[in-house]
């Protein structure tokens, strides 16, 4: 994962990523009745998801509507 800003807590990044990319119980941005991630967490969550989750998990998040095509494309730019 890239360098995390001091005010960004790693455990929150992991929690957000899991809720969005694995369980679909949140979104990166406020939509579908979900609050989205707190300020400053959008990019760190995408970076974490890109290096932590499998291609199948990321594809499922997109196919399920948990992330948008634009969010998917942004996340893929961080894939190693």
PDB file of N, CA and C in Angstrom:
ATOM      1  N   UNK A   1       0.845  -1.176   0.000  1.00  0.00           N
ATOM      2  CA  UNK A   1       0.000   0.000   0.000  1.00  0.00           C
ATOM      3  C   UNK A   1       0.883   1.228   0.000  1.00  0.00           C
ATOM      4  N   UNK A   2       0.445   2.266  -0.648  1.00  0.00           N
ATOM      5  CA  UNK A   2       1.209   3.506  -0.711  1.00  0.00           C
ATOM      6  C   UNK A   2       1.267   4.154   0.667  1.00  0.00           C
ATOM      7  N   UNK A   3       2.095   5.153   0.776  1.00  0.00           N
ATOM      8  CA  UNK A   3       2.232   5.859   2.041  1.00  0.00           C
ATOM      9  C   UNK A   3       0.885   6.443   2.456  1.00  0.00           C
ATOM     10  N   UNK A   4       0.529   6.204   3.686  1.00  0.00           N
ATOM     11  CA  UNK A   4      -0.755   6.669   4.212  1.00  0.00           C
ATOM     12  C   UNK A   4      -0.551   8.000   4.906  1.00  0.00           C
ATOM     13  N   UNK A   5      -1.445   8.947   4.641  1.00  0.00           N
ATOM     14  CA  UNK A   5      -1.379  10.239   5.311  1.00  0.00           C
ATOM     15  C   UNK A   5      -1.569  10.041   6.807  1.00  0.00           C
ATOM     16  N   UNK A   6      -0.969  10.896   7.631  1.00  0.00           N
ATOM     17  CA  UNK A   6      -1.052  10.719   9.085  1.00  0.00           C
ATOM     18  C   UNK A   6      -2.472  10.655   9.638  1.00  0.00           C
ATOM     19  N   UNK A   7      -3.407  11.378   9.054  1.00  0.00           N
ATOM     20  CA  UNK A   7      -4.768  11.391   9.577  1.00  0.00           C
ATOM     21  C   UNK A   7      -5.623  10.237   9.046  1.00  0.00           C
ATOM     22  N   UNK A   8      -5.049   9.405   8.186  1.00  0.00           N
ATOM     23  CA  UNK A   8      -5.765   8.248   7.643  1.00  0.00           C
ATOM     24  C   UNK A   8      -5.348   7.021   8.443  1.00  0.00           C
ATOM     25  N   UNK A   9      -6.314   6.390   9.066  1.00  0.00           N
ATOM     26  CA  UNK A   9      -6.047   5.235   9.918  1.00  0.00           C
ATOM     27  C   UNK A   9      -6.139   3.939   9.109  1.00  0.00           C
ATOM     28  N   UNK A  10      -5.087   3.123   9.201  1.00  0.00           N
ATOM     29  CA  UNK A  10      -5.014   1.898   8.413  1.00  0.00           C
ATOM     30  C   UNK A  10      -6.196   0.965   8.674  1.00  0.00           C
ATOM     31  N   UNK A  11      -6.611   0.861   9.936  1.00  0.00           N
ATOM     32  CA  UNK A  11      -7.724  -0.059  10.228  1.00  0.00           C
ATOM     33  C   UNK A  11      -9.018   0.416   9.575  1.00  0.00           C
ATOM     34  N   UNK A  12      -9.183   1.728   9.426  1.00  0.00           N
ATOM     35  CA  UNK A  12     -10.387   2.234   8.746  1.00  0.00           C
ATOM     36  C   UNK A  12     -10.319   1.976   7.254  1.00  0.00           C
ATOM     37  N   UNK A  13      -9.114   2.097   6.676  1.00  0.00           N
ATOM     38  CA  UNK A  13      -8.934   1.802   5.256  1.00  0.00           C
ATOM     39  C   UNK A  13      -9.334   0.355   5.000  1.00  0.00           C
ATOM     40  N   UNK A  14      -8.836  -0.561   5.821  1.00  0.00           N
ATOM     41  CA  UNK A  14      -9.151  -1.982   5.664  1.00  0.00           C
ATOM     42  C   UNK A  14     -10.642  -2.249   5.842  1.00  0.00           C
ATOM     43  N   UNK A  15     -11.232  -1.617   6.836  1.00  0.00           N
ATOM     44  CA  UNK A  15     -12.666  -1.808   7.103  1.00  0.00           C
ATOM     45  C   UNK A  15     -13.511  -1.295   5.943  1.00  0.00           C
ATOM     46  N   UNK A  16     -13.191  -0.103   5.463  1.00  0.00           N
ATOM     47  CA  UNK A  16     -13.920   0.447   4.313  1.00  0.00           C
ATOM     48  C   UNK A  16     -13.769  -0.466   3.098  1.00  0.00           C
ATOM     49  N   UNK A  17     -12.550  -0.878   2.797  1.00  0.00           N
ATOM     50  CA  UNK A  17     -12.303  -1.704   1.611  1.00  0.00           C
ATOM     51  C   UNK A  17     -13.091  -3.008   1.680  1.00  0.00           C
ATOM     52  N   UNK A  18     -13.067  -3.648   2.824  1.00  0.00           N
ATOM     53  CA  UNK A  18     -13.793  -4.908   2.989  1.00  0.00           C
ATOM     54  C   UNK A  18     -15.298  -4.686   2.801  1.00  0.00           C
ATOM     55  N   UNK A  19     -15.824  -3.627   3.405  1.00  0.00           N
ATOM     56  CA  UNK A  19     -17.259  -3.339   3.298  1.00  0.00           C
ATOM     57  C   UNK A  19     -17.665  -3.054   1.853  1.00  0.00           C
ATOM     58  N   UNK A  20     -16.802  -2.405   1.105  1.00  0.00           N
ATOM     59  CA  UNK A  20     -17.134  -2.027  -0.272  1.00  0.00           C
ATOM     60  C   UNK A  20     -16.867  -3.163  -1.252  1.00  0.00           C
ATOM     61  N   UNK A  21     -15.653  -3.678  -1.252  1.00  0.00           N
ATOM     62  CA  UNK A  21     -15.218  -4.609  -2.289  1.00  0.00           C
ATOM     63  C   UNK A  21     -15.549  -6.076  -2.013  1.00  0.00           C
ATOM     64  N   UNK A  22     -15.763  -6.435  -0.749  1.00  0.00           N
ATOM     65  CA  UNK A  22     -16.025  -7.838  -0.419  1.00  0.00           C
ATOM     66  C   UNK A  22     -17.502  -8.075  -0.088  1.00  0.00           C
ATOM     67  N   UNK A  23     -18.078  -7.200   0.748  1.00  0.00           N
ATOM     68  CA  UNK A  23     -19.448  -7.424   1.218  1.00  0.00           C
ATOM     69  C   UNK A  23     -20.502  -6.547   0.545  1.00  0.00           C
ATOM     70  N   UNK A  24     -20.087  -5.444  -0.072  1.00  0.00           N
ATOM     71  CA  UNK A  24     -21.047  -4.559  -0.721  1.00  0.00           C
ATOM     72  C   UNK A  24     -21.941  -3.806   0.237  1.00  0.00           C
ATOM     73  N   UNK A  25     -21.463  -3.602   1.462  1.00  0.00           N
ATOM     74  CA  UNK A  25     -22.277  -2.926   2.481  1.00  0.00           C
ATOM     75  C   UNK A  25     -21.944  -1.440   2.622  1.00  0.00           C
ATOM     76  N   UNK A  26     -21.162  -0.903   1.710  1.00  0.00           N
ATOM     77  CA  UNK A  26     -20.876   0.531   1.649  1.00  0.00           C
ATOM     78  C   UNK A  26     -20.451   0.830   0.222  1.00  0.00           C
ATOM     79  N   UNK A  27     -20.227   2.097  -0.079  1.00  0.00           N
ATOM     80  CA  UNK A  27     -19.769   2.535  -1.392  1.00  0.00           C
ATOM     81  C   UNK A  27     -18.618   3.505  -1.186  1.00  0.00           C
ATOM     82  N   UNK A  28     -17.820   3.709  -2.227  1.00  0.00           N
ATOM     83  CA  UNK A  28     -16.728   4.680  -2.128  1.00  0.00           C
ATOM     84  C   UNK A  28     -17.279   6.102  -1.985  1.00  0.00           C
ATOM     85  N   UNK A  29     -18.356   6.390  -2.698  1.00  0.00           N
ATOM     86  CA  UNK A  29     -19.001   7.697  -2.594  1.00  0.00           C
ATOM     87  C   UNK A  29     -20.439   7.485  -2.122  1.00  0.00           C
ATOM     88  N   UNK A  30     -21.019   8.511  -1.560  1.00  0.00           N
ATOM     89  CA  UNK A  30     -22.383   8.407  -1.050  1.00  0.00           C
ATOM     90  C   UNK A  30     -23.350   8.170  -2.214  1.00  0.00           C
ATOM     91  N   UNK A  31     -23.938   6.989  -2.236  1.00  0.00           N
ATOM     92  CA  UNK A  31     -24.959   6.633  -3.236  1.00  0.00           C
ATOM     93  C   UNK A  31     -25.652   5.357  -2.795  1.00  0.00           C
ATOM     94  N   UNK A  32     -26.783   5.089  -3.391  1.00  0.00           N
ATOM     95  CA  UNK A  32     -27.562   3.877  -3.094  1.00  0.00           C
ATOM     96  C   UNK A  32     -27.939   3.773  -1.618  1.00  0.00           C
ATOM     97  N   UNK A  33     -28.022   4.910  -0.930  1.00  0.00           N
ATOM     98  CA  UNK A  33     -28.370   4.885   0.485  1.00  0.00           C
ATOM     99  C   UNK A  33     -27.197   4.595   1.408  1.00  0.00           C
ATOM    100  N   UNK A  34     -25.999   4.502   0.865  1.00  0.00           N
ATOM    101  CA  UNK A  34     -24.799   4.262   1.671  1.00  0.00           C
ATOM    102  C   UNK A  34     -24.035   5.569   1.843  1.00  0.00           C
ATOM    103  N   UNK A  35     -23.335   5.717   2.969  1.00  0.00           N
ATOM    104  CA  UNK A  35     -22.676   6.996   3.256  1.00  0.00           C
ATOM    105  C   UNK A  35     -21.383   7.239   2.494  1.00  0.00           C
ATOM    106  N   UNK A  36     -20.740   6.204   1.962  1.00  0.00           N
ATOM    107  CA  UNK A  36     -19.439   6.385   1.332  1.00  0.00           C
ATOM    108  C   UNK A  36     -18.349   6.482   2.391  1.00  0.00           C
ATOM    109  N   UNK A  37     -17.134   6.692   1.936  1.00  0.00           N
ATOM    110  CA  UNK A  37     -15.999   6.753   2.862  1.00  0.00           C
ATOM    111  C   UNK A  37     -15.797   8.184   3.356  1.00  0.00           C
ATOM    112  N   UNK A  38     -15.170   8.309   4.516  1.00  0.00           N
ATOM    113  CA  UNK A  38     -14.880   9.626   5.090  1.00  0.00           C
ATOM    114  C   UNK A  38     -13.849  10.359   4.226  1.00  0.00           C
ATOM    115  N   UNK A  39     -13.817  11.669   4.363  1.00  0.00           N
ATOM    116  CA  UNK A  39     -12.854  12.486   3.631  1.00  0.00           C
ATOM    117  C   UNK A  39     -11.437  11.955   3.832  1.00  0.00           C
ATOM    118  N   UNK A  40     -10.701  11.884   2.746  1.00  0.00           N
ATOM    119  CA  UNK A  40      -9.321  11.452   2.803  1.00  0.00           C
ATOM    120  C   UNK A  40      -9.109   9.956   2.649  1.00  0.00           C
ATOM    121  N   UNK A  41     -10.192   9.181   2.600  1.00  0.00           N
ATOM    122  CA  UNK A  41     -10.055   7.726   2.531  1.00  0.00           C
ATOM    123  C   UNK A  41     -10.285   7.143   1.135  1.00  0.00           C
ATOM    124  N   UNK A  42     -10.798   7.915   0.224  1.00  0.00           N
ATOM    125  CA  UNK A  42     -11.161   7.407  -1.104  1.00  0.00           C
ATOM    126  C   UNK A  42      -9.972   6.725  -1.796  1.00  0.00           C
ATOM    127  N   UNK A  43      -8.883   7.447  -1.984  1.00  0.00           N
ATOM    128  CA  UNK A  43      -7.712   6.901  -2.673  1.00  0.00           C
ATOM    129  C   UNK A  43      -7.043   5.787  -1.862  1.00  0.00           C
ATOM    130  N   UNK A  44      -6.809   5.965  -0.560  1.00  0.00           N
ATOM    131  CA  UNK A  44      -6.210   4.862   0.195  1.00  0.00           C
ATOM    132  C   UNK A  44      -7.033   3.565   0.139  1.00  0.00           C
ATOM    133  N   UNK A  45      -8.343   3.674   0.122  1.00  0.00           N
ATOM    134  CA  UNK A  45      -9.189   2.475   0.039  1.00  0.00           C
ATOM    135  C   UNK A  45      -9.009   1.811  -1.322  1.00  0.00           C
ATOM    136  N   UNK A  46      -8.983   2.592  -2.386  1.00  0.00           N
ATOM    137  CA  UNK A  46      -8.753   2.023  -3.715  1.00  0.00           C
ATOM    138  C   UNK A  46      -7.375   1.362  -3.796  1.00  0.00           C
ATOM    139  N   UNK A  47      -6.363   2.025  -3.244  1.00  0.00           N
ATOM    140  CA  UNK A  47      -5.011   1.471  -3.272  1.00  0.00           C
ATOM    141  C   UNK A  47      -4.953   0.151  -2.509  1.00  0.00           C
ATOM    142  N   UNK A  48      -5.558   0.124  -1.337  1.00  0.00           N
ATOM    143  CA  UNK A  48      -5.567  -1.086  -0.516  1.00  0.00           C
ATOM    144  C   UNK A  48      -6.281  -2.222  -1.248  1.00  0.00           C
ATOM    145  N   UNK A  49      -7.437  -1.930  -1.815  1.00  0.00           N
ATOM    146  CA  UNK A  49      -8.203  -2.953  -2.528  1.00  0.00           C
ATOM    147  C   UNK A  49      -7.412  -3.500  -3.711  1.00  0.00           C
ATOM    148  N   UNK A  50      -6.727  -2.638  -4.421  1.00  0.00           N
ATOM    149  CA  UNK A  50      -5.981  -3.053  -5.608  1.00  0.00           C
ATOM    150  C   UNK A  50      -4.883  -4.053  -5.274  1.00  0.00           C
ATOM    151  N   UNK A  51      -4.225  -3.865  -4.150  1.00  0.00           N
ATOM    152  CA  UNK A  51      -3.109  -4.757  -3.811  1.00  0.00           C
ATOM    153  C   UNK A  51      -3.538  -5.923  -2.923  1.00  0.00           C
ATOM    154  N   UNK A  52      -4.720  -5.859  -2.341  1.00  0.00           N
ATOM    155  CA  UNK A  52      -5.149  -6.886  -1.394  1.00  0.00           C
ATOM    156  C   UNK A  52      -6.108  -7.899  -1.993  1.00  0.00           C
ATOM    157  N   UNK A  53      -7.038  -7.438  -2.813  1.00  0.00           N
ATOM    158  CA  UNK A  53      -8.083  -8.314  -3.315  1.00  0.00           C
ATOM    159  C   UNK A  53      -7.740  -8.885  -4.685  1.00  0.00           C
ATOM    160  N   UNK A  54      -8.300 -10.048  -4.962  1.00  0.00           N
ATOM    161  CA  UNK A  54      -8.053 -10.716  -6.236  1.00  0.00           C
ATOM    162  C   UNK A  54      -8.803 -10.008  -7.361  1.00  0.00           C
ATOM    163  N   UNK A  55      -8.392 -10.326  -8.576  1.00  0.00           N
ATOM    164  CA  UNK A  55      -9.075  -9.785  -9.742  1.00  0.00           C
ATOM    165  C   UNK A  55     -10.544 -10.199  -9.724  1.00  0.00           C
ATOM    166  N   UNK A  56     -10.816 -11.432  -9.336  1.00  0.00           N
ATOM    167  CA  UNK A  56     -12.204 -11.907  -9.266  1.00  0.00           C
ATOM    168  C   UNK A  56     -13.024 -11.094  -8.275  1.00  0.00           C
ATOM    169  N   UNK A  57     -12.443 -10.748  -7.131  1.00  0.00           N
ATOM    170  CA  UNK A  57     -13.173  -9.953  -6.131  1.00  0.00           C
ATOM    171  C   UNK A  57     -13.462  -8.556  -6.667  1.00  0.00           C
ATOM    172  N   UNK A  58     -12.498  -7.956  -7.347  1.00  0.00           N
ATOM    173  CA  UNK A  58     -12.707  -6.623  -7.908  1.00  0.00           C
ATOM    174  C   UNK A  58     -13.751  -6.667  -9.022  1.00  0.00           C
ATOM    175  N   UNK A  59     -13.679  -7.697  -9.850  1.00  0.00           N
ATOM    176  CA  UNK A  59     -14.668  -7.851 -10.928  1.00  0.00           C
ATOM    177  C   UNK A  59     -16.074  -8.057 -10.369  1.00  0.00           C
ATOM    178  N   UNK A  60     -16.178  -8.838  -9.290  1.00  0.00           N
ATOM    179  CA  UNK A  60     -17.483  -9.065  -8.664  1.00  0.00           C
ATOM    180  C   UNK A  60     -18.045  -7.766  -8.080  1.00  0.00           C
ATOM    181  N   UNK A  61     -17.192  -6.966  -7.467  1.00  0.00           N
ATOM    182  CA  UNK A  61     -17.646  -5.684  -6.917  1.00  0.00           C
ATOM    183  C   UNK A  61     -18.214  -4.800  -8.022  1.00  0.00           C
ATOM    184  N   UNK A  62     -17.576  -4.802  -9.174  1.00  0.00           N
ATOM    185  CA  UNK A  62     -18.074  -4.025 -10.310  1.00  0.00           C
ATOM    186  C   UNK A  62     -19.383  -4.615 -10.831  1.00  0.00           C
ATOM    187  N   UNK A  63     -19.399  -5.907 -11.055  1.00  0.00           N
ATOM    188  CA  UNK A  63     -20.589  -6.571 -11.600  1.00  0.00           C
ATOM    189  C   UNK A  63     -21.790  -6.438 -10.670  1.00  0.00           C
ATOM    190  N   UNK A  64     -21.537  -6.384  -9.371  1.00  0.00           N
ATOM    191  CA  UNK A  64     -22.613  -6.271  -8.384  1.00  0.00           C
ATOM    192  C   UNK A  64     -23.078  -4.832  -8.178  1.00  0.00           C
ATOM    193  N   UNK A  65     -22.368  -3.879  -8.777  1.00  0.00           N
ATOM    194  CA  UNK A  65     -22.752  -2.477  -8.634  1.00  0.00           C
ATOM    195  C   UNK A  65     -22.239  -1.826  -7.364  1.00  0.00           C
ATOM    196  N   UNK A  66     -21.348  -2.516  -6.658  1.00  0.00           N
ATOM    197  CA  UNK A  66     -20.800  -1.956  -5.415  1.00  0.00           C
ATOM    198  C   UNK A  66     -19.815  -0.839  -5.702  1.00  0.00           C
ATOM    199  N   UNK A  67     -19.170  -0.911  -6.873  1.00  0.00           N
ATOM    200  CA  UNK A  67     -18.313   0.170  -7.356  1.00  0.00           C
ATOM    201  C   UNK A  67     -18.748   0.478  -8.783  1.00  0.00           C
ATOM    202  N   UNK A  68     -18.492   1.692  -9.221  1.00  0.00           N
ATOM    203  CA  UNK A  68     -18.837   2.095 -10.580  1.00  0.00           C
ATOM    204  C   UNK A  68     -17.687   1.717 -11.518  1.00  0.00           C
ATOM    205  N   UNK A  69     -17.944   1.820 -12.809  1.00  0.00           N
ATOM    206  CA  UNK A  69     -16.881   1.540 -13.781  1.00  0.00           C
ATOM    207  C   UNK A  69     -15.706   2.486 -13.581  1.00  0.00           C
ATOM    208  N   UNK A  70     -15.993   3.760 -13.316  1.00  0.00           N
ATOM    209  CA  UNK A  70     -14.915   4.738 -13.092  1.00  0.00           C
ATOM    210  C   UNK A  70     -14.097   4.369 -11.851  1.00  0.00           C
ATOM    211  N   UNK A  71     -14.768   3.952 -10.782  1.00  0.00           N
ATOM    212  CA  UNK A  71     -14.068   3.551  -9.553  1.00  0.00           C
ATOM    213  C   UNK A  71     -13.232   2.295  -9.796  1.00  0.00           C
ATOM    214  N   UNK A  72     -13.785   1.376 -10.564  1.00  0.00           N
ATOM    215  CA  UNK A  72     -13.051   0.159 -10.927  1.00  0.00           C
ATOM    216  C   UNK A  72     -11.778   0.519 -11.698  1.00  0.00           C
ATOM    217  N   UNK A  73     -11.936   1.389 -12.703  1.00  0.00           N
ATOM    218  CA  UNK A  73     -10.791   1.798 -13.519  1.00  0.00           C
ATOM    219  C   UNK A  73      -9.725   2.488 -12.667  1.00  0.00           C
ATOM    220  N   UNK A  74     -10.160   3.351 -11.749  1.00  0.00           N
ATOM    221  CA  UNK A  74      -9.215   4.027 -10.843  1.00  0.00           C
ATOM    222  C   UNK A  74      -8.486   3.002  -9.980  1.00  0.00           C
ATOM    223  N   UNK A  75      -9.230   2.048  -9.431  1.00  0.00           N
ATOM    224  CA  UNK A  75      -8.637   1.018  -8.579  1.00  0.00           C
ATOM    225  C   UNK A  75      -7.614   0.208  -9.362  1.00  0.00           C
ATOM    226  N   UNK A  76      -7.921  -0.116 -10.591  1.00  0.00           N
ATOM    227  CA  UNK A  76      -7.019  -0.932 -11.413  1.00  0.00           C
ATOM    228  C   UNK A  76      -5.700  -0.216 -11.699  1.00  0.00           C
ATOM    229  N   UNK A  77      -5.683   1.102 -11.659  1.00  0.00           N
ATOM    230  CA  UNK A  77      -4.419   1.820 -11.891  1.00  0.00           C
ATOM    231  C   UNK A  77      -3.421   1.566 -10.766  1.00  0.00           C
ATOM    232  N   UNK A  78      -3.904   1.130  -9.604  1.00  0.00           N
ATOM    233  CA  UNK A  78      -3.028   0.844  -8.464  1.00  0.00           C
ATOM    234  C   UNK A  78      -2.611  -0.624  -8.405  1.00  0.00           C
ATOM    235  N   UNK A  79      -3.150  -1.451  -9.292  1.00  0.00           N
ATOM    236  CA  UNK A  79      -2.836  -2.880  -9.308  1.00  0.00           C
ATOM    237  C   UNK A  79      -1.365  -3.053  -9.687  1.00  0.00           C
ATOM    238  N   UNK A  80      -0.668  -3.886  -8.937  1.00  0.00           N
ATOM    239  CA  UNK A  80       0.763  -4.087  -9.204  1.00  0.00           C
ATOM    240  C   UNK A  80       1.011  -5.167 -10.226  1.00  0.00           C
TER     241      UNK A  80
END
